[in-house]
Amino acid sequence: MTIIGRVQRDGVSVEVAPGGALRSVELEPAALQLGGAKLAKTILTLVREAGRHANQDAEEAIRAQLGGLSDEDFAVLGLAAYDEVPNDDQAAAADEGRR
């Protein structure tokens, strides 16, 4: 079984594996009309959203097979709880702090 989070919006399609590894980004011509800043923000938003979907699906699959794992166990596996994945504002603040 392969678990991949997929999201598409505004001419941008992304696929992300559990744990956050980016698998693909596809841009339709309409996406290029968004402008650089909006396109970048859209891609980052969709990557985070697809990552949440992939992590959720992976967690459900693992719980069904193993059960009894704590949220800390899932964090160690790179599958943070959905509310632990930073939203756009939190991610922007973290990016700003790294500069």
PDB file of N, CA and C in Angstrom:
ATOM      1  N   MET A   1       0.841  -1.174   0.000  1.00  0.00           N
ATOM      2  CA  MET A   1       0.000   0.000   0.000  1.00  0.00           C
ATOM      3  C   MET A   1       0.887   1.238   0.000  1.00  0.00           C
ATOM      4  N   THR A   2       0.580   2.169  -0.885  1.00  0.00           N
ATOM      5  CA  THR A   2       1.290   3.439  -0.934  1.00  0.00           C
ATOM      6  C   THR A   2       0.339   4.535  -0.473  1.00  0.00           C
ATOM      7  N   ILE A   3       0.799   5.322   0.478  1.00  0.00           N
ATOM      8  CA  ILE A   3      -0.015   6.421   0.995  1.00  0.00           C
ATOM      9  C   ILE A   3       0.589   7.730   0.506  1.00  0.00           C
ATOM     10  N   ILE A   4      -0.232   8.503  -0.184  1.00  0.00           N
ATOM     11  CA  ILE A   4       0.198   9.791  -0.723  1.00  0.00           C
ATOM     12  C   ILE A   4      -0.927  10.795  -0.484  1.00  0.00           C
ATOM     13  N   GLY A   5      -0.580  11.972   0.024  1.00  0.00           N
ATOM     14  CA  GLY A   5      -1.551  13.055   0.143  1.00  0.00           C
ATOM     15  C   GLY A   5      -1.541  13.858  -1.140  1.00  0.00           C
ATOM     16  N   ARG A   6      -2.730  14.067  -1.699  1.00  0.00           N
ATOM     17  CA  ARG A   6      -2.844  14.815  -2.957  1.00  0.00           C
ATOM     18  C   ARG A   6      -3.812  15.981  -2.763  1.00  0.00           C
ATOM     19  N   VAL A   7      -3.417  17.143  -3.267  1.00  0.00           N
ATOM     20  CA  VAL A   7      -4.273  18.328  -3.208  1.00  0.00           C
ATOM     21  C   VAL A   7      -4.086  19.112  -4.501  1.00  0.00           C
ATOM     22  N   GLN A   8      -5.191  19.680  -4.994  1.00  0.00           N
ATOM     23  CA  GLN A   8      -5.146  20.489  -6.213  1.00  0.00           C
ATOM     24  C   GLN A   8      -6.003  21.731  -6.010  1.00  0.00           C
ATOM     25  N   ARG A   9      -5.462  22.877  -6.398  1.00  0.00           N
ATOM     26  CA  ARG A   9      -6.202  24.138  -6.292  1.00  0.00           C
ATOM     27  C   ARG A   9      -5.506  25.192  -7.149  1.00  0.00           C
ATOM     28  N   ASP A  10      -6.284  26.039  -7.774  1.00  0.00           N
ATOM     29  CA  ASP A  10      -5.760  27.183  -8.539  1.00  0.00           C
ATOM     30  C   ASP A  10      -4.711  26.785  -9.575  1.00  0.00           C
ATOM     31  N   GLY A  11      -4.897  25.615 -10.190  1.00  0.00           N
ATOM     32  CA  GLY A  11      -3.962  25.177 -11.214  1.00  0.00           C
ATOM     33  C   GLY A  11      -2.682  24.563 -10.689  1.00  0.00           C
ATOM     34  N   VAL A  12      -2.614  24.314  -9.380  1.00  0.00           N
ATOM     35  CA  VAL A  12      -1.435  23.710  -8.751  1.00  0.00           C
ATOM     36  C   VAL A  12      -1.850  22.362  -8.169  1.00  0.00           C
ATOM     37  N   SER A  13      -1.090  21.314  -8.475  1.00  0.00           N
ATOM     38  CA  SER A  13      -1.318  19.985  -7.909  1.00  0.00           C
ATOM     39  C   SER A  13      -0.048  19.544  -7.205  1.00  0.00           C
ATOM     40  N   VAL A  14      -0.197  19.017  -5.980  1.00  0.00           N
ATOM     41  CA  VAL A  14       0.963  18.516  -5.246  1.00  0.00           C
ATOM     42  C   VAL A  14       0.662  17.135  -4.688  1.00  0.00           C
ATOM     43  N   GLU A  15       1.721  16.360  -4.515  1.00  0.00           N
ATOM     44  CA  GLU A  15       1.662  15.059  -3.857  1.00  0.00           C
ATOM     45  C   GLU A  15       2.753  15.027  -2.800  1.00  0.00           C
ATOM     46  N   VAL A  16       2.371  14.586  -1.597  1.00  0.00           N
ATOM     47  CA  VAL A  16       3.293  14.546  -0.467  1.00  0.00           C
ATOM     48  C   VAL A  16       3.171  13.190   0.207  1.00  0.00           C
ATOM     49  N   ALA A  17       4.303  12.599   0.557  1.00  0.00           N
ATOM     50  CA  ALA A  17       4.327  11.328   1.274  1.00  0.00           C
ATOM     51  C   ALA A  17       4.174  11.578   2.772  1.00  0.00           C
ATOM     52  N   PRO A  18       3.785  10.560   3.532  1.00  0.00           N
ATOM     53  CA  PRO A  18       3.754  10.711   4.987  1.00  0.00           C
ATOM     54  C   PRO A  18       5.120  11.168   5.497  1.00  0.00           C
ATOM     55  N   GLY A  19       5.111  12.040   6.470  1.00  0.00           N
ATOM     56  CA  GLY A  19       6.351  12.587   6.995  1.00  0.00           C
ATOM     57  C   GLY A  19       6.778  13.857   6.295  1.00  0.00           C
ATOM     58  N   GLY A  20       6.111  14.202   5.176  1.00  0.00           N
ATOM     59  CA  GLY A  20       6.346  15.486   4.542  1.00  0.00           C
ATOM     60  C   GLY A  20       7.200  15.500   3.295  1.00  0.00           C
ATOM     61  N   ALA A  21       7.647  14.347   2.806  1.00  0.00           N
ATOM     62  CA  ALA A  21       8.480  14.338   1.598  1.00  0.00           C
ATOM     63  C   ALA A  21       7.639  14.710   0.375  1.00  0.00           C
ATOM     64  N   LEU A  22       8.063  15.747  -0.325  1.00  0.00           N
ATOM     65  CA  LEU A  22       7.366  16.205  -1.519  1.00  0.00           C
ATOM     66  C   LEU A  22       7.623  15.223  -2.653  1.00  0.00           C
ATOM     67  N   ARG A  23       6.552  14.706  -3.245  1.00  0.00           N
ATOM     68  CA  ARG A  23       6.677  13.737  -4.335  1.00  0.00           C
ATOM     69  C   ARG A  23       6.555  14.401  -5.701  1.00  0.00           C
ATOM     70  N   SER A  24       5.633  15.360  -5.816  1.00  0.00           N
ATOM     71  CA  SER A  24       5.501  16.040  -7.103  1.00  0.00           C
ATOM     72  C   SER A  24       4.778  17.372  -6.949  1.00  0.00           C
ATOM     73  N   VAL A  25       5.075  18.270  -7.882  1.00  0.00           N
ATOM     74  CA  VAL A  25       4.369  19.546  -8.029  1.00  0.00           C
ATOM     75  C   VAL A  25       4.102  19.711  -9.518  1.00  0.00           C
ATOM     76  N   GLU A  26       2.849  19.950  -9.872  1.00  0.00           N
ATOM     77  CA  GLU A  26       2.490  20.191 -11.263  1.00  0.00           C
ATOM     78  C   GLU A  26       1.770  21.528 -11.354  1.00  0.00           C
ATOM     79  N   LEU A  27       2.151  22.313 -12.347  1.00  0.00           N
ATOM     80  CA  LEU A  27       1.552  23.629 -12.551  1.00  0.00           C
ATOM     81  C   LEU A  27       0.848  23.665 -13.899  1.00  0.00           C
ATOM     82  N   GLU A  28      -0.408  24.056 -13.885  1.00  0.00           N
ATOM     83  CA  GLU A  28      -1.146  24.296 -15.118  1.00  0.00           C
ATOM     84  C   GLU A  28      -0.911  25.753 -15.518  1.00  0.00           C
ATOM     85  N   PRO A  29      -1.157  26.100 -16.763  1.00  0.00           N
ATOM     86  CA  PRO A  29      -0.941  27.486 -17.186  1.00  0.00           C
ATOM     87  C   PRO A  29      -1.648  28.514 -16.299  1.00  0.00           C
ATOM     88  N   ALA A  30      -2.825  28.183 -15.789  1.00  0.00           N
ATOM     89  CA  ALA A  30      -3.562  29.121 -14.931  1.00  0.00           C
ATOM     90  C   ALA A  30      -2.774  29.469 -13.674  1.00  0.00           C
ATOM     91  N   ALA A  31      -1.985  28.534 -13.168  1.00  0.00           N
ATOM     92  CA  ALA A  31      -1.207  28.785 -11.949  1.00  0.00           C
ATOM     93  C   ALA A  31      -0.179  29.887 -12.169  1.00  0.00           C
ATOM     94  N   LEU A  32       0.343  29.968 -13.368  1.00  0.00           N
ATOM     95  CA  LEU A  32       1.366  30.967 -13.660  1.00  0.00           C
ATOM     96  C   LEU A  32       0.794  32.382 -13.694  1.00  0.00           C
ATOM     97  N   GLN A  33      -0.521  32.480 -13.806  1.00  0.00           N
ATOM     98  CA  GLN A  33      -1.177  33.790 -13.810  1.00  0.00           C
ATOM     99  C   GLN A  33      -1.346  34.354 -12.402  1.00  0.00           C
ATOM    100  N   LEU A  34      -1.049  33.554 -11.376  1.00  0.00           N
ATOM    101  CA  LEU A  34      -1.209  33.997  -9.991  1.00  0.00           C
ATOM    102  C   LEU A  34      -0.168  35.034  -9.585  1.00  0.00           C
ATOM    103  N   GLY A  35       0.958  35.054 -10.273  1.00  0.00           N
ATOM    104  CA  GLY A  35       2.071  35.911  -9.858  1.00  0.00           C
ATOM    105  C   GLY A  35       2.968  35.143  -8.904  1.00  0.00           C
ATOM    106  N   GLY A  36       4.207  35.560  -8.815  1.00  0.00           N
ATOM    107  CA  GLY A  36       5.212  34.816  -8.055  1.00  0.00           C
ATOM    108  C   GLY A  36       4.886  34.615  -6.593  1.00  0.00           C
ATOM    109  N   ALA A  37       4.529  35.681  -5.889  1.00  0.00           N
ATOM    110  CA  ALA A  37       4.274  35.581  -4.444  1.00  0.00           C
ATOM    111  C   ALA A  37       3.058  34.714  -4.156  1.00  0.00           C
ATOM    112  N   LYS A  38       1.969  34.917  -4.905  1.00  0.00           N
ATOM    113  CA  LYS A  38       0.745  34.132  -4.689  1.00  0.00           C
ATOM    114  C   LYS A  38       0.977  32.671  -5.056  1.00  0.00           C
ATOM    115  N   LEU A  39       1.718  32.415  -6.122  1.00  0.00           N
ATOM    116  CA  LEU A  39       2.010  31.042  -6.519  1.00  0.00           C
ATOM    117  C   LEU A  39       2.829  30.339  -5.446  1.00  0.00           C
ATOM    118  N   ALA A  40       3.846  31.004  -4.935  1.00  0.00           N
ATOM    119  CA  ALA A  40       4.676  30.409  -3.880  1.00  0.00           C
ATOM    120  C   ALA A  40       3.841  30.097  -2.647  1.00  0.00           C
ATOM    121  N   LYS A  41       2.994  31.027  -2.243  1.00  0.00           N
ATOM    122  CA  LYS A  41       2.143  30.806  -1.067  1.00  0.00           C
ATOM    123  C   LYS A  41       1.175  29.657  -1.312  1.00  0.00           C
ATOM    124  N   THR A  42       0.613  29.591  -2.513  1.00  0.00           N
ATOM    125  CA  THR A  42      -0.310  28.510  -2.854  1.00  0.00           C
ATOM    126  C   THR A  42       0.387  27.161  -2.782  1.00  0.00           C
ATOM    127  N   ILE A  43       1.586  27.073  -3.341  1.00  0.00           N
ATOM    128  CA  ILE A  43       2.331  25.809  -3.306  1.00  0.00           C
ATOM    129  C   ILE A  43       2.608  25.399  -1.871  1.00  0.00           C
ATOM    130  N   LEU A  44       3.101  26.310  -1.052  1.00  0.00           N
ATOM    131  CA  LEU A  44       3.399  25.975   0.347  1.00  0.00           C
ATOM    132  C   LEU A  44       2.150  25.544   1.101  1.00  0.00           C
ATOM    133  N   THR A  45       1.050  26.236   0.885  1.00  0.00           N
ATOM    134  CA  THR A  45      -0.206  25.882   1.544  1.00  0.00           C
ATOM    135  C   THR A  45      -0.649  24.482   1.144  1.00  0.00           C
ATOM    136  N   LEU A  46      -0.590  24.185  -0.145  1.00  0.00           N
ATOM    137  CA  LEU A  46      -1.027  22.877  -0.625  1.00  0.00           C
ATOM    138  C   LEU A  46      -0.106  21.763  -0.154  1.00  0.00           C
ATOM    139  N   VAL A  47       1.193  22.027  -0.089  1.00  0.00           N
ATOM    140  CA  VAL A  47       2.131  21.016   0.415  1.00  0.00           C
ATOM    141  C   VAL A  47       1.802  20.681   1.865  1.00  0.00           C
ATOM    142  N   ARG A  48       1.538  21.692   2.670  1.00  0.00           N
ATOM    143  CA  ARG A  48       1.185  21.444   4.080  1.00  0.00           C
ATOM    144  C   ARG A  48      -0.122  20.667   4.187  1.00  0.00           C
ATOM    145  N   GLU A  49      -1.102  21.049   3.374  1.00  0.00           N
ATOM    146  CA  GLU A  49      -2.401  20.378   3.410  1.00  0.00           C
ATOM    147  C   GLU A  49      -2.271  18.918   2.970  1.00  0.00           C
ATOM    148  N   ALA A  50      -1.546  18.685   1.891  1.00  0.00           N
ATOM    149  CA  ALA A  50      -1.347  17.316   1.416  1.00  0.00           C
ATOM    150  C   ALA A  50      -0.567  16.499   2.440  1.00  0.00           C
ATOM    151  N   GLY A  51       0.403  17.127   3.100  1.00  0.00           N
ATOM    152  CA  GLY A  51       1.158  16.441   4.151  1.00  0.00           C
ATOM    153  C   GLY A  51       0.273  16.026   5.307  1.00  0.00           C
ATOM    154  N   ARG A  52      -0.659  16.898   5.684  1.00  0.00           N
ATOM    155  CA  ARG A  52      -1.600  16.545   6.753  1.00  0.00           C
ATOM    156  C   ARG A  52      -2.452  15.350   6.346  1.00  0.00           C
ATOM    157  N   HIS A  53      -2.926  15.354   5.086  1.00  0.00           N
ATOM    158  CA  HIS A  53      -3.727  14.227   4.603  1.00  0.00           C
ATOM    159  C   HIS A  53      -2.915  12.933   4.623  1.00  0.00           C
ATOM    160  N   ALA A  54      -1.689  13.000   4.133  1.00  0.00           N
ATOM    161  CA  ALA A  54      -0.838  11.803   4.098  1.00  0.00           C
ATOM    162  C   ALA A  54      -0.558  11.295   5.508  1.00  0.00           C
ATOM    163  N   ASN A  55      -0.237  12.201   6.418  1.00  0.00           N
ATOM    164  CA  ASN A  55       0.034  11.788   7.800  1.00  0.00           C
ATOM    165  C   ASN A  55      -1.200  11.178   8.448  1.00  0.00           C
ATOM    166  N   GLN A  56      -2.359  11.769   8.199  1.00  0.00           N
ATOM    167  CA  GLN A  56      -3.599  11.242   8.764  1.00  0.00           C
ATOM    168  C   GLN A  56      -3.867   9.833   8.236  1.00  0.00           C
ATOM    169  N   ASP A  57      -3.736   9.645   6.928  1.00  0.00           N
ATOM    170  CA  ASP A  57      -3.962   8.324   6.338  1.00  0.00           C
ATOM    171  C   ASP A  57      -2.959   7.305   6.857  1.00  0.00           C
ATOM    172  N   ALA A  58      -1.691   7.712   6.995  1.00  0.00           N
ATOM    173  CA  ALA A  58      -0.664   6.803   7.509  1.00  0.00           C
ATOM    174  C   ALA A  58      -0.945   6.437   8.959  1.00  0.00           C
ATOM    175  N   GLU A  59      -1.334   7.431   9.747  1.00  0.00           N
ATOM    176  CA  GLU A  59      -1.634   7.163  11.155  1.00  0.00           C
ATOM    177  C   GLU A  59      -2.790   6.179  11.279  1.00  0.00           C
ATOM    178  N   GLU A  60      -3.837   6.380  10.484  1.00  0.00           N
ATOM    179  CA  GLU A  60      -4.980   5.472  10.524  1.00  0.00           C
ATOM    180  C   GLU A  60      -4.570   4.057  10.134  1.00  0.00           C
ATOM    181  N   ALA A  61      -3.733   3.930   9.109  1.00  0.00           N
ATOM    182  CA  ALA A  61      -3.281   2.608   8.677  1.00  0.00           C
ATOM    183  C   ALA A  61      -2.427   1.936   9.746  1.00  0.00           C
ATOM    184  N   ILE A  62      -1.542   2.701  10.371  1.00  0.00           N
ATOM    185  CA  ILE A  62      -0.667   2.135  11.406  1.00  0.00           C
ATOM    186  C   ILE A  62      -1.478   1.752  12.637  1.00  0.00           C
ATOM    187  N   ARG A  63      -2.399   2.615  13.044  1.00  0.00           N
ATOM    188  CA  ARG A  63      -3.237   2.300  14.215  1.00  0.00           C
ATOM    189  C   ARG A  63      -4.054   1.035  13.968  1.00  0.00           C
ATOM    190  N   ALA A  64      -4.550   0.865  12.746  1.00  0.00           N
ATOM    191  CA  ALA A  64      -5.337  -0.323  12.424  1.00  0.00           C
ATOM    192  C   ALA A  64      -4.494  -1.591  12.532  1.00  0.00           C
ATOM    193  N   GLN A  65      -3.213  -1.493  12.201  1.00  0.00           N
ATOM    194  CA  GLN A  65      -2.338  -2.661  12.235  1.00  0.00           C
ATOM    195  C   GLN A  65      -1.705  -2.893  13.599  1.00  0.00           C
ATOM    196  N   LEU A  66      -1.290  -1.828  14.270  1.00  0.00           N
ATOM    197  CA  LEU A  66      -0.511  -1.969  15.497  1.00  0.00           C
ATOM    198  C   LEU A  66      -1.281  -1.590  16.750  1.00  0.00           C
ATOM    199  N   GLY A  67      -2.029  -0.501  16.694  1.00  0.00           N
ATOM    200  CA  GLY A  67      -2.755  -0.030  17.868  1.00  0.00           C
ATOM    201  C   GLY A  67      -1.815   0.270  19.024  1.00  0.00           C
ATOM    202  N   GLY A  68      -2.299   1.018  19.997  1.00  0.00           N
ATOM    203  CA  GLY A  68      -1.540   1.262  21.210  1.00  0.00           C
ATOM    204  C   GLY A  68      -0.393   2.247  21.109  1.00  0.00           C
ATOM    205  N   LEU A  69      -0.169   2.855  19.956  1.00  0.00           N
ATOM    206  CA  LEU A  69       0.906   3.835  19.840  1.00  0.00           C
ATOM    207  C   LEU A  69       0.413   5.193  20.322  1.00  0.00           C
ATOM    208  N   SER A  70       1.281   5.904  21.006  1.00  0.00           N
ATOM    209  CA  SER A  70       0.934   7.226  21.533  1.00  0.00           C
ATOM    210  C   SER A  70       1.204   8.300  20.478  1.00  0.00           C
ATOM    211  N   ASP A  71       0.728   9.524  20.765  1.00  0.00           N
ATOM    212  CA  ASP A  71       1.022  10.650  19.877  1.00  0.00           C
ATOM    213  C   ASP A  71       2.524  10.884  19.784  1.00  0.00           C
ATOM    214  N   GLU A  72       3.250  10.656  20.880  1.00  0.00           N
ATOM    215  CA  GLU A  72       4.711  10.815  20.871  1.00  0.00           C
ATOM    216  C   GLU A  72       5.357   9.803  19.927  1.00  0.00           C
ATOM    217  N   ASP A  73       4.826   8.574  19.907  1.00  0.00           N
ATOM    218  CA  ASP A  73       5.349   7.561  18.988  1.00  0.00           C
ATOM    219  C   ASP A  73       5.180   8.016  17.541  1.00  0.00           C
ATOM    220  N   PHE A  74       4.013   8.581  17.244  1.00  0.00           N
ATOM    221  CA  PHE A  74       3.770   9.056  15.881  1.00  0.00           C
ATOM    222  C   PHE A  74       4.665  10.244  15.539  1.00  0.00           C
ATOM    223  N   ALA A  75       4.941  11.095  16.506  1.00  0.00           N
ATOM    224  CA  ALA A  75       5.845  12.223  16.270  1.00  0.00           C
ATOM    225  C   ALA A  75       7.242  11.719  15.931  1.00  0.00           C
ATOM    226  N   VAL A  76       7.699  10.671  16.627  1.00  0.00           N
ATOM    227  CA  VAL A  76       9.009  10.080  16.346  1.00  0.00           C
ATOM    228  C   VAL A  76       9.046   9.527  14.924  1.00  0.00           C
ATOM    229  N   LEU A  77       7.914   9.003  14.464  1.00  0.00           N
ATOM    230  CA  LEU A  77       7.825   8.469  13.106  1.00  0.00           C
ATOM    231  C   LEU A  77       7.701   9.572  12.050  1.00  0.00           C
ATOM    232  N   GLY A  78       7.629  10.835  12.501  1.00  0.00           N
ATOM    233  CA  GLY A  78       7.470  11.947  11.563  1.00  0.00           C
ATOM    234  C   GLY A  78       6.028  12.178  11.175  1.00  0.00           C
ATOM    235  N   LEU A  79       5.110  11.612  11.936  1.00  0.00           N
ATOM    236  CA  LEU A  79       3.687  11.734  11.644  1.00  0.00           C
ATOM    237  C   LEU A  79       3.011  12.525  12.753  1.00  0.00           C
ATOM    238  N   ALA A  80       3.359  13.792  12.860  1.00  0.00           N
ATOM    239  CA  ALA A  80       2.822  14.642  13.926  1.00  0.00           C
ATOM    240  C   ALA A  80       1.308  14.705  13.838  1.00  0.00           C
ATOM    241  N   ALA A  81       0.693  14.886  14.988  1.00  0.00           N
ATOM    242  CA  ALA A  81      -0.760  15.058  15.026  1.00  0.00           C
ATOM    243  C   ALA A  81      -1.143  16.240  14.145  1.00  0.00           C
ATOM    244  N   TYR A  82      -2.340  16.217  13.613  1.00  0.00           N
ATOM    245  CA  TYR A  82      -2.755  17.208  12.623  1.00  0.00           C
ATOM    246  C   TYR A  82      -2.619  18.628  13.148  1.00  0.00           C
ATOM    247  N   ASP A  83      -2.951  18.851  14.413  1.00  0.00           N
ATOM    248  CA  ASP A  83      -2.876  20.204  14.947  1.00  0.00           C
ATOM    249  C   ASP A  83      -1.449  20.617  15.269  1.00  0.00           C
ATOM    250  N   GLU A  84      -0.494  19.703  15.147  1.00  0.00           N
ATOM    251  CA  GLU A  84       0.909  20.035  15.386  1.00  0.00           C
ATOM    252  C   GLU A  84       1.612  20.484  14.111  1.00  0.00           C
ATOM    253  N   VAL A  85       0.985  20.266  12.962  1.00  0.00           N
ATOM    254  CA  VAL A  85       1.561  20.707  11.699  1.00  0.00           C
ATOM    255  C   VAL A  85       1.295  22.200  11.590  1.00  0.00           C
ATOM    256  N   PRO A  86       2.334  23.014  11.393  1.00  0.00           N
ATOM    257  CA  PRO A  86       2.134  24.463  11.406  1.00  0.00           C
ATOM    258  C   PRO A  86       1.194  24.925  10.302  1.00  0.00           C
ATOM    259  N   ASN A  87       0.349  25.886  10.631  1.00  0.00           N
ATOM    260  CA  ASN A  87      -0.476  26.497   9.600  1.00  0.00           C
ATOM    261  C   ASN A  87       0.355  27.554   8.879  1.00  0.00           C
ATOM    262  N   ASP A  88      -0.247  28.234   7.922  1.00  0.00           N
ATOM    263  CA  ASP A  88       0.504  29.197   7.107  1.00  0.00           C
ATOM    264  C   ASP A  88       1.115  30.315   7.944  1.00  0.00           C
ATOM    265  N   ASP A  89       0.352  30.861   8.896  1.00  0.00           N
ATOM    266  CA  ASP A  89       0.866  31.957   9.718  1.00  0.00           C
ATOM    267  C   ASP A  89       2.024  31.498  10.597  1.00  0.00           C
ATOM    268  N   GLN A  90       1.901  30.304  11.193  1.00  0.00           N
ATOM    269  CA  GLN A  90       2.975  29.772  12.036  1.00  0.00           C
ATOM    270  C   GLN A  90       4.220  29.485  11.200  1.00  0.00           C
ATOM    271  N   ALA A  91       4.019  28.925  10.018  1.00  0.00           N
ATOM    272  CA  ALA A  91       5.156  28.615   9.154  1.00  0.00           C
ATOM    273  C   ALA A  91       5.848  29.895   8.693  1.00  0.00           C
ATOM    274  N   ALA A  92       5.067  30.921   8.365  1.00  0.00           N
ATOM    275  CA  ALA A  92       5.659  32.193   7.938  1.00  0.00           C
ATOM    276  C   ALA A  92       6.470  32.811   9.065  1.00  0.00           C
ATOM    277  N   ALA A  93       5.954  32.736  10.290  1.00  0.00           N
ATOM    278  CA  ALA A  93       6.685  33.276  11.440  1.00  0.00           C
ATOM    279  C   ALA A  93       7.977  32.503  11.665  1.00  0.00           C
ATOM    280  N   ALA A  94       7.927  31.185  11.501  1.00  0.00           N
ATOM    281  CA  ALA A  94       9.133  30.369  11.666  1.00  0.00           C
ATOM    282  C   ALA A  94      10.152  30.696  10.584  1.00  0.00           C
ATOM    283  N   ASP A  95       9.675  30.868   9.341  1.00  0.00           N
ATOM    284  CA  ASP A  95      10.575  31.229   8.243  1.00  0.00           C
ATOM    285  C   ASP A  95      11.222  32.580   8.505  1.00  0.00           C
ATOM    286  N   GLU A  96      10.443  33.525   8.996  1.00  0.00           N
ATOM    287  CA  GLU A  96      10.962  34.863   9.289  1.00  0.00           C
ATOM    288  C   GLU A  96      12.022  34.799  10.381  1.00  0.00           C
ATOM    289  N   GLY A  97      11.815  33.938  11.366  1.00  0.00           N
ATOM    290  CA  GLY A  97      12.770  33.791  12.463  1.00  0.00           C
ATOM    291  C   GLY A  97      14.089  33.190  12.027  1.00  0.00           C
ATOM    292  N   ARG A  98      14.083  32.431  10.926  1.00  0.00           N
ATOM    293  CA  ARG A  98      15.316  31.803  10.429  1.00  0.00           C
ATOM    294  C   ARG A  98      16.153  32.771   9.618  1.00  0.00           C
ATOM    295  N   ARG A  99      15.588  33.888   9.224  1.00  0.00           N
ATOM    296  CA  ARG A  99      16.329  34.848   8.377  1.00  0.00           C
ATOM    297  C   ARG A  99      17.225  35.721   9.185  1.00  0.00           C
TER     298      ARG A  99
END
